[in-house]
Protein backbone atom coordinates (compact mmCIF):
# COMPACT_ATOMS: atom_id res chain seq x y z
CA UNK A 1 0.00 0.00 0.00
CA UNK A 2 1.44 3.33 -1.07
CA UNK A 3 1.76 5.82 1.79
CA UNK A 4 -0.18 9.07 1.54
CA UNK A 5 0.55 12.41 3.14
CA UNK A 6 -1.84 15.34 3.50
CA UNK A 7 -0.68 18.95 3.22
CA UNK A 8 -2.92 21.81 4.32
CA UNK A 9 -2.61 25.19 2.64
CA UNK A 10 -1.26 23.30 -0.36
CA UNK A 11 -2.49 25.46 -3.23
CA UNK A 12 0.49 27.84 -3.16
CA UNK A 13 3.65 28.90 -1.37
CA UNK A 14 5.36 26.55 1.07
CA UNK A 15 2.50 24.05 0.99
CA UNK A 16 2.61 23.69 -2.77
CA UNK A 17 6.42 23.52 -2.84
CA UNK A 18 6.34 20.77 -0.20
CA UNK A 19 3.74 18.89 -2.24
CA UNK A 20 5.95 18.92 -5.33
CA UNK A 21 8.96 17.62 -3.43
CA UNK A 22 7.04 14.96 -1.50
CA UNK A 23 5.57 13.63 -4.73
CA UNK A 24 9.12 13.33 -6.07
CA UNK A 25 10.03 11.46 -2.88
CA UNK A 26 7.43 8.79 -3.63
CA UNK A 27 4.56 9.94 -1.43
CA UNK A 28 0.97 9.98 -2.65
CA UNK A 29 0.11 13.61 -1.93
CA UNK A 30 -3.27 14.91 -0.81
CA UNK A 31 -3.53 18.68 -0.96
CA UNK A 32 -6.09 20.74 0.96
CA UNK A 33 -7.10 24.38 0.55
CA UNK A 34 -10.19 26.47 -0.17
CA UNK A 35 -9.57 26.36 -3.91
CA UNK A 36 -7.51 23.99 -6.02
CA UNK A 37 -4.64 25.11 -8.28
CA UNK A 38 -4.60 24.39 -12.01
CA UNK A 39 -2.03 21.67 -11.63
CA UNK A 40 -1.20 19.61 -8.57
CA UNK A 41 1.00 16.53 -8.07
CA UNK A 42 -1.71 14.41 -6.48
CA UNK A 43 -5.28 14.49 -5.19
CA UNK A 44 -6.69 17.86 -4.18
CA UNK A 45 -9.59 18.36 -1.79
CA UNK A 46 -11.27 21.76 -1.60
CA UNK A 47 -12.06 22.44 2.05
CA UNK A 48 -12.37 25.60 4.10
CA UNK A 49 -10.41 24.70 7.22
CA UNK A 50 -11.75 27.82 8.93
CA UNK A 51 -15.03 25.88 9.12
CA UNK A 52 -14.89 23.34 11.95
CA UNK A 53 -17.59 21.14 10.39
CA UNK A 54 -15.81 21.00 7.03
CA UNK A 55 -12.59 20.15 8.84
CA UNK A 56 -14.37 17.35 10.71
CA UNK A 57 -15.71 15.91 7.45
CA UNK A 58 -12.22 16.04 5.94
CA UNK A 59 -10.70 14.38 9.02
CA UNK A 60 -13.24 11.57 8.80
CA UNK A 61 -12.51 11.06 5.09
CA UNK A 62 -8.74 10.99 5.59
CA UNK A 63 -8.96 8.52 8.46
CA UNK A 64 -11.21 6.21 6.42
CA UNK A 65 -8.64 5.99 3.63
CA UNK A 66 -6.39 3.92 5.88
CA UNK A 67 -3.12 4.83 4.16
CA UNK A 68 -2.59 8.44 5.27
CA UNK A 69 0.48 8.19 7.48
CA UNK A 70 1.80 11.75 7.18
CA UNK A 71 0.57 15.30 7.59
CA UNK A 72 2.10 18.74 7.02
CA UNK A 73 0.03 21.26 8.96
CA UNK A 74 0.81 24.37 6.96
CA UNK A 75 -2.48 26.28 6.75
CA UNK A 76 -2.54 29.60 8.55
CA UNK A 77 -3.51 33.24 8.46
CA UNK A 78 -1.77 36.41 9.67
CA UNK A 79 -2.89 39.97 10.29
CA UNK A 80 -0.93 43.23 10.37
CA UNK A 81 -1.59 44.76 13.80
CA UNK A 82 0.02 46.39 16.80
CA UNK A 83 -0.47 44.96 20.29
CA UNK A 84 -2.65 47.91 21.34
CA UNK A 85 -4.93 47.56 18.32
CA UNK A 86 -5.67 43.84 18.36
CA UNK A 87 -9.28 43.16 17.41
CA UNK A 88 -10.46 40.21 19.50
CA UNK A 89 -12.69 38.80 16.79
CA UNK A 90 -9.68 38.78 14.47
CA UNK A 91 -7.53 37.36 17.28
CA UNK A 92 -9.95 34.45 17.69
CA UNK A 93 -9.95 33.79 13.94
CA UNK A 94 -6.15 33.82 13.70
CA UNK A 95 -5.72 31.57 16.75
CA UNK A 96 -8.34 29.13 15.47
CA UNK A 97 -7.10 28.63 11.91
CA UNK A 98 -3.44 28.36 12.87
CA UNK A 99 -4.00 25.77 15.62
CA UNK A 100 -7.34 23.93 15.51
CA UNK A 101 -7.06 22.22 12.07
CA UNK A 102 -3.61 20.92 12.99
CA UNK A 103 -4.99 19.30 16.12
CA UNK A 104 -8.25 18.17 14.54
CA UNK A 105 -6.64 16.45 11.54
CA UNK A 106 -3.74 14.98 13.52
CA UNK A 107 -6.16 13.45 16.01
CA UNK A 108 -7.99 11.72 13.17
CA UNK A 109 -4.79 10.25 11.68
CA UNK A 110 -3.11 9.07 14.89
CA UNK A 111 -4.94 5.71 15.19
CA UNK A 112 -3.78 4.57 11.74
CA UNK A 113 -0.25 5.80 12.42
CA UNK A 114 -0.12 3.87 15.66
CA UNK A 115 -1.45 0.73 13.99
CA UNK A 116 1.17 0.99 11.24
CA UNK A 117 3.89 1.98 13.72
CA UNK A 118 4.84 4.68 11.25
CA UNK A 119 3.96 8.34 10.98
CA UNK A 120 5.13 11.82 10.02
CA UNK A 121 3.66 14.93 11.65
CA UNK A 122 5.11 18.30 10.64
CA UNK A 123 3.72 21.58 11.99
CA UNK A 124 4.87 24.69 10.14
CA UNK A 125 5.37 27.66 12.43
CA UNK A 126 7.36 30.90 12.25
CA UNK A 127 10.19 32.83 13.83
CA UNK A 128 7.62 35.48 14.77
CA UNK A 129 7.33 33.47 17.99
CA UNK A 130 10.58 35.15 19.03
CA UNK A 131 8.92 38.54 18.72
CA UNK A 132 8.07 40.66 15.67
CA UNK A 133 6.24 43.96 15.35
CA UNK A 134 2.75 43.98 13.82
CA UNK A 135 2.20 40.22 14.21
CA UNK A 136 0.66 39.99 17.69
CA UNK A 137 -2.14 37.49 17.02
CA UNK A 138 -0.09 35.48 14.54
CA UNK A 139 2.85 35.17 16.94
CA UNK A 140 0.54 33.98 19.71
CA UNK A 141 -1.04 31.39 17.41
CA UNK A 142 2.27 30.02 16.15
CA UNK A 143 3.63 29.86 19.70
CA UNK A 144 0.58 27.80 20.63
CA UNK A 145 1.24 25.46 17.70
CA UNK A 146 4.87 25.04 18.77
CA UNK A 147 3.77 24.16 22.28
CA UNK A 148 1.28 21.67 20.87
CA UNK A 149 4.09 20.14 18.83
CA UNK A 150 6.19 19.60 21.94
CA UNK A 151 3.27 17.78 23.49
CA UNK A 152 2.81 15.68 20.35
CA UNK A 153 6.50 14.80 20.43
CA UNK A 154 6.27 13.06 23.80
CA UNK A 155 6.39 9.28 23.84
CA UNK A 156 3.12 8.97 25.75
CA UNK A 157 1.17 10.82 23.09
CA UNK A 158 2.66 9.35 19.94
CA UNK A 159 3.73 5.89 21.10
CA UNK A 160 5.39 4.45 17.97
CA UNK A 161 5.31 7.76 16.08
CA UNK A 162 8.64 8.97 17.35
CA UNK A 163 10.53 12.22 17.47
CA UNK A 164 14.10 12.57 18.66
CA UNK A 165 15.75 15.44 20.51
CA UNK A 166 18.67 15.56 18.15
CA UNK A 167 18.46 16.13 14.40
CA UNK A 168 21.65 14.19 13.85
CA UNK A 169 20.60 10.65 14.65
CA UNK A 170 17.71 8.18 14.82
CA UNK A 171 16.99 5.52 17.37
CA UNK A 172 18.37 2.20 16.09
CA UNK A 173 15.30 0.20 17.01
CA UNK A 174 12.46 2.67 16.56
CA UNK A 175 12.95 4.51 13.29
CA UNK A 176 9.22 4.50 12.79
CA UNK A 177 8.27 8.14 12.62
CA UNK A 178 8.68 11.78 13.51
CA UNK A 179 6.70 14.61 14.99
CA UNK A 180 8.20 18.02 14.60
CA UNK A 181 8.04 21.71 14.15
CA UNK A 182 9.40 23.68 11.21
CA UNK A 183 9.99 27.37 11.74
CA UNK A 184 10.08 29.55 8.64
CA UNK A 185 11.95 32.85 8.67
CA UNK A 186 11.45 35.29 5.83
CA UNK A 187 14.66 37.12 6.71
CA UNK A 188 17.03 34.20 7.34
CA UNK A 189 20.27 34.34 5.38
CA UNK A 190 20.79 30.62 5.95
CA UNK A 191 17.70 29.01 4.43
CA UNK A 192 18.54 25.40 5.24
CA UNK A 193 20.26 25.67 8.61
CA UNK A 194 19.20 22.88 10.94
CA UNK A 195 18.97 23.02 14.69
CA UNK A 196 17.56 20.86 17.42
CA UNK A 197 15.32 21.57 20.37
CA UNK A 198 14.51 19.67 23.49
CA UNK A 199 11.51 17.88 22.03
CA UNK A 200 10.67 19.27 18.61
CA UNK A 201 12.24 19.86 15.24
CA UNK A 202 12.92 23.42 14.19
CA UNK A 203 14.23 24.34 10.77
CA UNK A 204 14.78 27.93 9.72
CA UNK A 205 14.26 28.70 6.09
CA UNK A 206 13.43 31.47 3.64
CA UNK A 207 9.77 31.56 2.73
CA UNK A 208 10.64 33.70 -0.27
CA UNK A 209 12.50 30.78 -1.82
CA UNK A 210 10.06 28.06 -2.90
CA UNK A 211 12.53 25.20 -2.57
CA UNK A 212 14.47 25.99 0.59
CA UNK A 213 11.81 25.24 3.19
CA UNK A 214 10.35 22.17 1.54
CA UNK A 215 13.82 20.67 0.93
CA UNK A 216 14.47 20.95 4.65
CA UNK A 217 11.04 19.56 5.49
CA UNK A 218 11.16 16.58 3.18
CA UNK A 219 14.81 15.53 3.27
CA UNK A 220 15.50 15.91 6.97
CA UNK A 221 12.04 15.57 8.54
CA UNK A 222 9.95 13.33 6.30
CA UNK A 223 12.13 11.47 3.81
CA UNK A 224 10.94 9.00 1.22
CA UNK A 225 7.67 7.13 1.50
Foldseek 3Di string as FASTA:
>chain_A
DAAAEEEEPQQDFQNVLLQVVQVVLRHAYEYEEQDHHPDGSHHYDHFHLLDVVSLLVVLVVVLVVLRHFEYEHDDFDFFFAAPVPDDVVVLVSRLCRLAVSLVNNCVSNLVSCVVVLAHAAEYEAAPCCVPDGRGVSRNVNRVVNQVVLLVCQDCVNRVSAHDDQFLPDDDPPRPHHHGAYEYEYQPDPDAADWDGHRRHGYGYHHSVDNNSRSCNCAVRRNGHD
